[in-house]
Amino acid sequence: MWQKRMDTVFYLYFCFAINLSCRQDFGVLAIPTVPESPPKLQTDPSTLQTFRARAFSLLSIAGVSGFCQVSIPLGLYDNLPVSVSLLAKHGLDGFLLNLVETLYPTIKEELGLQ
């Protein structure tokens, strides 16, 4: 019950943040692509279900809102892939892709990615 409430609060917080961040013509919101480290193989089904629900709450924001979203890989942490998602309001797909194209070389340099 507590986890379900926290998931709802988490989702509503991001919806509110998206609304505020993306109201401006060129506002961009950065969010984690997934909420936590991926589950291990042979994870208990209830734990896996919780992870999926939380992951889809982040992944569905763009689809439900009509915003555009792009995920930027940031490399590995503890041998697990890490990425961040950027969202912008509907119709700013080109702007968002140009932003990523501009930022990614710097990100790669800072993180030492090849």
N, C-alpha and C. Protein backbone atom coordinates (compact mmCIF):
# COMPACT_ATOMS: atom_id res chain seq x y z
N MET A 1 0.83 -1.19 0.00
CA MET A 1 0.00 0.00 0.00
C MET A 1 0.87 1.25 0.00
N TRP A 2 1.87 1.29 0.88
CA TRP A 2 2.76 2.45 0.97
C TRP A 2 3.49 2.67 -0.35
N GLN A 3 3.99 1.58 -0.97
CA GLN A 3 4.71 1.69 -2.23
C GLN A 3 3.80 2.26 -3.31
N LYS A 4 2.56 1.84 -3.35
CA LYS A 4 1.61 2.34 -4.35
C LYS A 4 1.39 3.84 -4.17
N ARG A 5 1.27 4.28 -2.93
CA ARG A 5 1.11 5.72 -2.66
C ARG A 5 2.34 6.50 -3.11
N MET A 6 3.52 5.96 -2.81
CA MET A 6 4.75 6.64 -3.19
C MET A 6 4.88 6.70 -4.72
N ASP A 7 4.49 5.64 -5.41
CA ASP A 7 4.52 5.65 -6.87
C ASP A 7 3.59 6.72 -7.42
N THR A 8 2.42 6.86 -6.83
CA THR A 8 1.47 7.87 -7.28
C THR A 8 2.02 9.27 -7.02
N VAL A 9 2.57 9.50 -5.85
CA VAL A 9 3.17 10.80 -5.53
C VAL A 9 4.32 11.09 -6.48
N PHE A 10 5.16 10.10 -6.72
CA PHE A 10 6.29 10.21 -7.63
C PHE A 10 5.81 10.61 -9.03
N TYR A 11 4.78 9.94 -9.52
CA TYR A 11 4.25 10.22 -10.85
C TYR A 11 3.64 11.62 -10.91
N LEU A 12 2.87 12.00 -9.91
CA LEU A 12 2.25 13.33 -9.90
C LEU A 12 3.30 14.43 -9.82
N TYR A 13 4.35 14.19 -9.05
CA TYR A 13 5.43 15.16 -8.96
C TYR A 13 6.04 15.41 -10.33
N PHE A 14 6.33 14.34 -11.06
CA PHE A 14 6.92 14.52 -12.38
C PHE A 14 5.96 15.18 -13.35
N CYS A 15 4.69 14.86 -13.28
CA CYS A 15 3.71 15.54 -14.15
C CYS A 15 3.69 17.04 -13.86
N PHE A 16 3.72 17.40 -12.60
CA PHE A 16 3.75 18.81 -12.21
C PHE A 16 5.04 19.47 -12.69
N ALA A 17 6.17 18.79 -12.50
CA ALA A 17 7.46 19.34 -12.93
C ALA A 17 7.50 19.52 -14.44
N ILE A 18 6.96 18.57 -15.16
CA ILE A 18 6.93 18.69 -16.62
C ILE A 18 6.10 19.89 -17.03
N ASN A 19 4.97 20.04 -16.40
CA ASN A 19 4.09 21.16 -16.72
C ASN A 19 4.82 22.48 -16.52
N LEU A 20 5.52 22.62 -15.40
CA LEU A 20 6.24 23.86 -15.13
C LEU A 20 7.43 24.05 -16.07
N SER A 21 8.21 23.00 -16.27
CA SER A 21 9.43 23.10 -17.06
C SER A 21 9.18 23.32 -18.53
N CYS A 22 8.15 22.71 -19.03
CA CYS A 22 7.93 22.73 -20.47
C CYS A 22 6.92 23.77 -20.92
N ARG A 23 6.44 24.59 -20.03
CA ARG A 23 5.52 25.65 -20.42
C ARG A 23 6.19 26.68 -21.33
N GLN A 24 7.44 26.95 -21.03
CA GLN A 24 8.14 27.94 -21.82
C GLN A 24 8.43 27.36 -23.20
N ASP A 25 8.64 28.23 -24.16
CA ASP A 25 8.82 27.77 -25.53
C ASP A 25 9.93 26.76 -25.70
N PHE A 26 11.03 26.93 -24.97
CA PHE A 26 12.15 26.01 -25.14
C PHE A 26 12.58 25.40 -23.81
N GLY A 27 11.60 25.13 -22.96
CA GLY A 27 11.90 24.49 -21.69
C GLY A 27 12.21 23.02 -21.89
N VAL A 28 13.15 22.51 -21.13
CA VAL A 28 13.54 21.10 -21.20
C VAL A 28 13.58 20.56 -19.77
N LEU A 29 13.06 19.37 -19.62
CA LEU A 29 13.07 18.71 -18.32
C LEU A 29 13.95 17.48 -18.41
N ALA A 30 14.87 17.32 -17.48
CA ALA A 30 15.74 16.15 -17.42
C ALA A 30 15.23 15.24 -16.30
N ILE A 31 14.99 13.98 -16.63
CA ILE A 31 14.53 13.00 -15.65
C ILE A 31 15.33 11.70 -15.84
N PRO A 32 15.37 10.86 -14.83
CA PRO A 32 16.01 9.57 -15.04
C PRO A 32 15.22 8.75 -16.06
N THR A 33 15.90 7.96 -16.86
CA THR A 33 15.20 7.14 -17.83
C THR A 33 14.45 6.01 -17.13
N VAL A 34 15.03 5.42 -16.13
CA VAL A 34 14.35 4.43 -15.29
C VAL A 34 14.58 4.82 -13.83
N PRO A 35 13.69 4.39 -12.93
CA PRO A 35 13.74 4.89 -11.56
C PRO A 35 14.84 4.31 -10.68
N GLU A 36 15.40 3.17 -11.06
CA GLU A 36 16.40 2.52 -10.22
C GLU A 36 17.15 1.50 -11.04
N SER A 37 18.10 0.82 -10.43
CA SER A 37 18.84 -0.22 -11.13
C SER A 37 17.89 -1.32 -11.58
N PRO A 38 18.18 -1.94 -12.72
CA PRO A 38 17.29 -3.01 -13.20
C PRO A 38 17.33 -4.21 -12.26
N PRO A 39 16.23 -4.93 -12.22
CA PRO A 39 16.20 -6.11 -11.35
C PRO A 39 17.13 -7.21 -11.86
N LYS A 40 17.59 -8.02 -10.96
CA LYS A 40 18.44 -9.16 -11.30
C LYS A 40 17.60 -10.28 -11.90
N LEU A 41 18.27 -11.17 -12.61
CA LEU A 41 17.60 -12.37 -13.09
C LEU A 41 17.05 -13.14 -11.89
N GLN A 42 15.96 -13.81 -12.08
CA GLN A 42 15.30 -14.61 -11.04
C GLN A 42 14.78 -13.75 -9.89
N THR A 43 14.48 -12.47 -10.17
CA THR A 43 13.89 -11.59 -9.15
C THR A 43 12.47 -12.04 -8.86
N ASP A 44 12.07 -11.88 -7.62
CA ASP A 44 10.71 -12.22 -7.21
C ASP A 44 9.71 -11.46 -8.10
N PRO A 45 8.67 -12.13 -8.60
CA PRO A 45 7.71 -11.48 -9.51
C PRO A 45 7.07 -10.21 -8.97
N SER A 46 6.80 -10.15 -7.67
CA SER A 46 6.18 -8.94 -7.12
C SER A 46 7.16 -7.76 -7.17
N THR A 47 8.44 -8.02 -6.92
CA THR A 47 9.46 -6.97 -7.02
C THR A 47 9.60 -6.52 -8.47
N LEU A 48 9.57 -7.47 -9.37
CA LEU A 48 9.67 -7.16 -10.80
C LEU A 48 8.47 -6.33 -11.25
N GLN A 49 7.30 -6.65 -10.77
CA GLN A 49 6.09 -5.90 -11.12
C GLN A 49 6.20 -4.45 -10.63
N THR A 50 6.71 -4.26 -9.43
CA THR A 50 6.88 -2.91 -8.89
C THR A 50 7.87 -2.11 -9.73
N PHE A 51 8.98 -2.75 -10.10
CA PHE A 51 9.96 -2.08 -10.94
C PHE A 51 9.34 -1.67 -12.28
N ARG A 52 8.62 -2.59 -12.90
CA ARG A 52 7.99 -2.28 -14.19
C ARG A 52 7.01 -1.12 -14.08
N ALA A 53 6.21 -1.12 -13.04
CA ALA A 53 5.24 -0.04 -12.86
C ALA A 53 5.93 1.31 -12.70
N ARG A 54 7.00 1.33 -11.91
CA ARG A 54 7.73 2.59 -11.72
C ARG A 54 8.44 3.01 -13.01
N ALA A 55 9.01 2.05 -13.72
CA ALA A 55 9.70 2.36 -14.98
C ALA A 55 8.71 2.91 -16.00
N PHE A 56 7.56 2.26 -16.13
CA PHE A 56 6.58 2.74 -17.11
C PHE A 56 6.00 4.09 -16.72
N SER A 57 5.97 4.41 -15.42
CA SER A 57 5.48 5.73 -15.03
C SER A 57 6.40 6.83 -15.57
N LEU A 58 7.70 6.55 -15.65
CA LEU A 58 8.63 7.52 -16.23
C LEU A 58 8.61 7.47 -17.76
N LEU A 59 8.56 6.27 -18.29
CA LEU A 59 8.64 6.12 -19.74
C LEU A 59 7.36 6.57 -20.45
N SER A 60 6.25 6.58 -19.74
CA SER A 60 4.99 6.93 -20.39
C SER A 60 4.66 8.42 -20.36
N ILE A 61 5.46 9.21 -19.65
CA ILE A 61 5.15 10.63 -19.53
C ILE A 61 5.05 11.29 -20.90
N ALA A 62 6.01 11.06 -21.76
CA ALA A 62 5.99 11.68 -23.09
C ALA A 62 4.81 11.17 -23.90
N GLY A 63 4.56 9.88 -23.85
CA GLY A 63 3.47 9.31 -24.63
C GLY A 63 2.11 9.83 -24.21
N VAL A 64 1.91 9.98 -22.93
CA VAL A 64 0.62 10.44 -22.42
C VAL A 64 0.46 11.95 -22.62
N SER A 65 1.53 12.70 -22.45
CA SER A 65 1.45 14.16 -22.51
C SER A 65 1.57 14.71 -23.92
N GLY A 66 2.13 13.92 -24.85
CA GLY A 66 2.38 14.41 -26.19
C GLY A 66 3.72 15.11 -26.33
N PHE A 67 4.49 15.16 -25.25
CA PHE A 67 5.82 15.77 -25.31
C PHE A 67 6.77 14.85 -26.05
N CYS A 68 7.86 15.40 -26.52
CA CYS A 68 8.89 14.59 -27.14
C CYS A 68 9.93 14.24 -26.07
N GLN A 69 10.57 13.08 -26.24
CA GLN A 69 11.51 12.59 -25.25
C GLN A 69 12.67 11.92 -25.96
N VAL A 70 13.87 12.14 -25.43
CA VAL A 70 15.05 11.47 -25.95
C VAL A 70 15.86 10.98 -24.75
N SER A 71 16.44 9.80 -24.90
CA SER A 71 17.27 9.23 -23.84
C SER A 71 18.73 9.32 -24.25
N ILE A 72 19.56 9.80 -23.32
CA ILE A 72 20.99 9.95 -23.60
C ILE A 72 21.76 8.95 -22.74
N PRO A 73 22.46 8.01 -23.36
CA PRO A 73 23.27 7.07 -22.58
C PRO A 73 24.46 7.79 -21.95
N LEU A 74 24.71 7.48 -20.69
CA LEU A 74 25.80 8.13 -19.96
C LEU A 74 26.91 7.16 -19.57
N GLY A 75 26.85 5.93 -20.05
CA GLY A 75 27.88 4.96 -19.73
C GLY A 75 27.41 3.95 -18.72
N LEU A 76 28.35 3.44 -17.93
CA LEU A 76 28.06 2.39 -16.95
C LEU A 76 28.37 2.87 -15.55
N TYR A 77 27.60 2.39 -14.61
CA TYR A 77 27.86 2.59 -13.18
C TYR A 77 27.64 1.23 -12.53
N ASP A 78 28.64 0.71 -11.85
CA ASP A 78 28.57 -0.65 -11.27
C ASP A 78 28.20 -1.68 -12.34
N ASN A 79 28.77 -1.52 -13.53
CA ASN A 79 28.52 -2.40 -14.67
C ASN A 79 27.07 -2.42 -15.14
N LEU A 80 26.32 -1.37 -14.85
CA LEU A 80 24.95 -1.24 -15.31
C LEU A 80 24.83 0.03 -16.15
N PRO A 81 24.05 -0.04 -17.22
CA PRO A 81 23.89 1.16 -18.07
C PRO A 81 23.12 2.26 -17.34
N VAL A 82 23.55 3.49 -17.58
CA VAL A 82 22.92 4.66 -16.97
C VAL A 82 22.57 5.63 -18.10
N SER A 83 21.39 6.23 -17.98
CA SER A 83 21.00 7.22 -18.99
C SER A 83 20.08 8.26 -18.35
N VAL A 84 19.91 9.35 -19.05
CA VAL A 84 19.00 10.41 -18.63
C VAL A 84 18.08 10.71 -19.80
N SER A 85 16.84 11.07 -19.50
CA SER A 85 15.89 11.43 -20.54
C SER A 85 15.63 12.93 -20.50
N LEU A 86 15.55 13.52 -21.66
CA LEU A 86 15.18 14.93 -21.78
C LEU A 86 13.82 15.02 -22.45
N LEU A 87 12.96 15.87 -21.91
CA LEU A 87 11.63 16.07 -22.47
C LEU A 87 11.44 17.53 -22.84
N ALA A 88 10.71 17.75 -23.92
CA ALA A 88 10.33 19.10 -24.34
C ALA A 88 8.89 19.03 -24.84
N LYS A 89 8.25 20.18 -24.92
CA LYS A 89 6.84 20.15 -25.28
C LYS A 89 6.62 19.75 -26.74
N HIS A 90 5.40 19.40 -27.02
CA HIS A 90 5.00 18.93 -28.34
C HIS A 90 5.46 19.89 -29.44
N GLY A 91 6.03 19.34 -30.49
CA GLY A 91 6.46 20.14 -31.62
C GLY A 91 7.90 20.59 -31.56
N LEU A 92 8.58 20.33 -30.45
CA LEU A 92 9.97 20.76 -30.32
C LEU A 92 10.96 19.61 -30.53
N ASP A 93 10.55 18.62 -31.32
CA ASP A 93 11.41 17.47 -31.59
C ASP A 93 12.76 17.91 -32.16
N GLY A 94 12.72 18.77 -33.16
CA GLY A 94 13.95 19.24 -33.80
C GLY A 94 14.84 19.98 -32.82
N PHE A 95 14.23 20.83 -32.00
CA PHE A 95 15.00 21.55 -30.98
C PHE A 95 15.66 20.58 -30.02
N LEU A 96 14.91 19.58 -29.57
CA LEU A 96 15.45 18.62 -28.60
C LEU A 96 16.59 17.81 -29.22
N LEU A 97 16.44 17.38 -30.45
CA LEU A 97 17.51 16.62 -31.11
C LEU A 97 18.74 17.49 -31.34
N ASN A 98 18.54 18.75 -31.71
CA ASN A 98 19.69 19.67 -31.87
C ASN A 98 20.39 19.90 -30.53
N LEU A 99 19.62 20.00 -29.46
CA LEU A 99 20.20 20.17 -28.13
C LEU A 99 21.07 18.97 -27.76
N VAL A 100 20.55 17.77 -28.00
CA VAL A 100 21.31 16.56 -27.70
C VAL A 100 22.57 16.50 -28.55
N GLU A 101 22.44 16.83 -29.82
CA GLU A 101 23.60 16.83 -30.72
C GLU A 101 24.67 17.81 -30.25
N THR A 102 24.24 18.92 -29.68
CA THR A 102 25.17 19.92 -29.16
C THR A 102 25.79 19.46 -27.83
N LEU A 103 24.98 18.87 -26.95
CA LEU A 103 25.45 18.47 -25.63
C LEU A 103 26.27 17.19 -25.61
N TYR A 104 25.95 16.25 -26.47
CA TYR A 104 26.53 14.92 -26.35
C TYR A 104 28.06 14.88 -26.45
N PRO A 105 28.69 15.64 -27.36
CA PRO A 105 30.16 15.61 -27.36
C PRO A 105 30.76 16.04 -26.02
N THR A 106 30.17 17.03 -25.39
CA THR A 106 30.66 17.48 -24.09
C THR A 106 30.43 16.42 -23.02
N ILE A 107 29.27 15.80 -23.07
CA ILE A 107 28.96 14.73 -22.11
C ILE A 107 29.95 13.58 -22.27
N LYS A 108 30.20 13.19 -23.51
CA LYS A 108 31.16 12.10 -23.76
C LYS A 108 32.54 12.45 -23.23
N GLU A 109 32.97 13.69 -23.45
CA GLU A 109 34.28 14.13 -22.99
C GLU A 109 34.36 14.13 -21.48
N GLU A 110 33.33 14.69 -20.83
CA GLU A 110 33.31 14.77 -19.36
C GLU A 110 33.31 13.39 -18.70
N LEU A 111 32.59 12.45 -19.32
CA LEU A 111 32.46 11.11 -18.74
C LEU A 111 33.53 10.15 -19.24
N GLY A 112 34.33 10.60 -20.18
CA GLY A 112 35.37 9.73 -20.72
C GLY A 112 34.83 8.59 -21.56
N LEU A 113 33.70 8.83 -22.24
CA LEU A 113 33.12 7.80 -23.10
C LEU A 113 33.82 7.80 -24.45
N GLN A 114 33.85 6.63 -25.07
CA GLN A 114 34.46 6.50 -26.39
C GLN A 114 33.44 6.73 -27.47
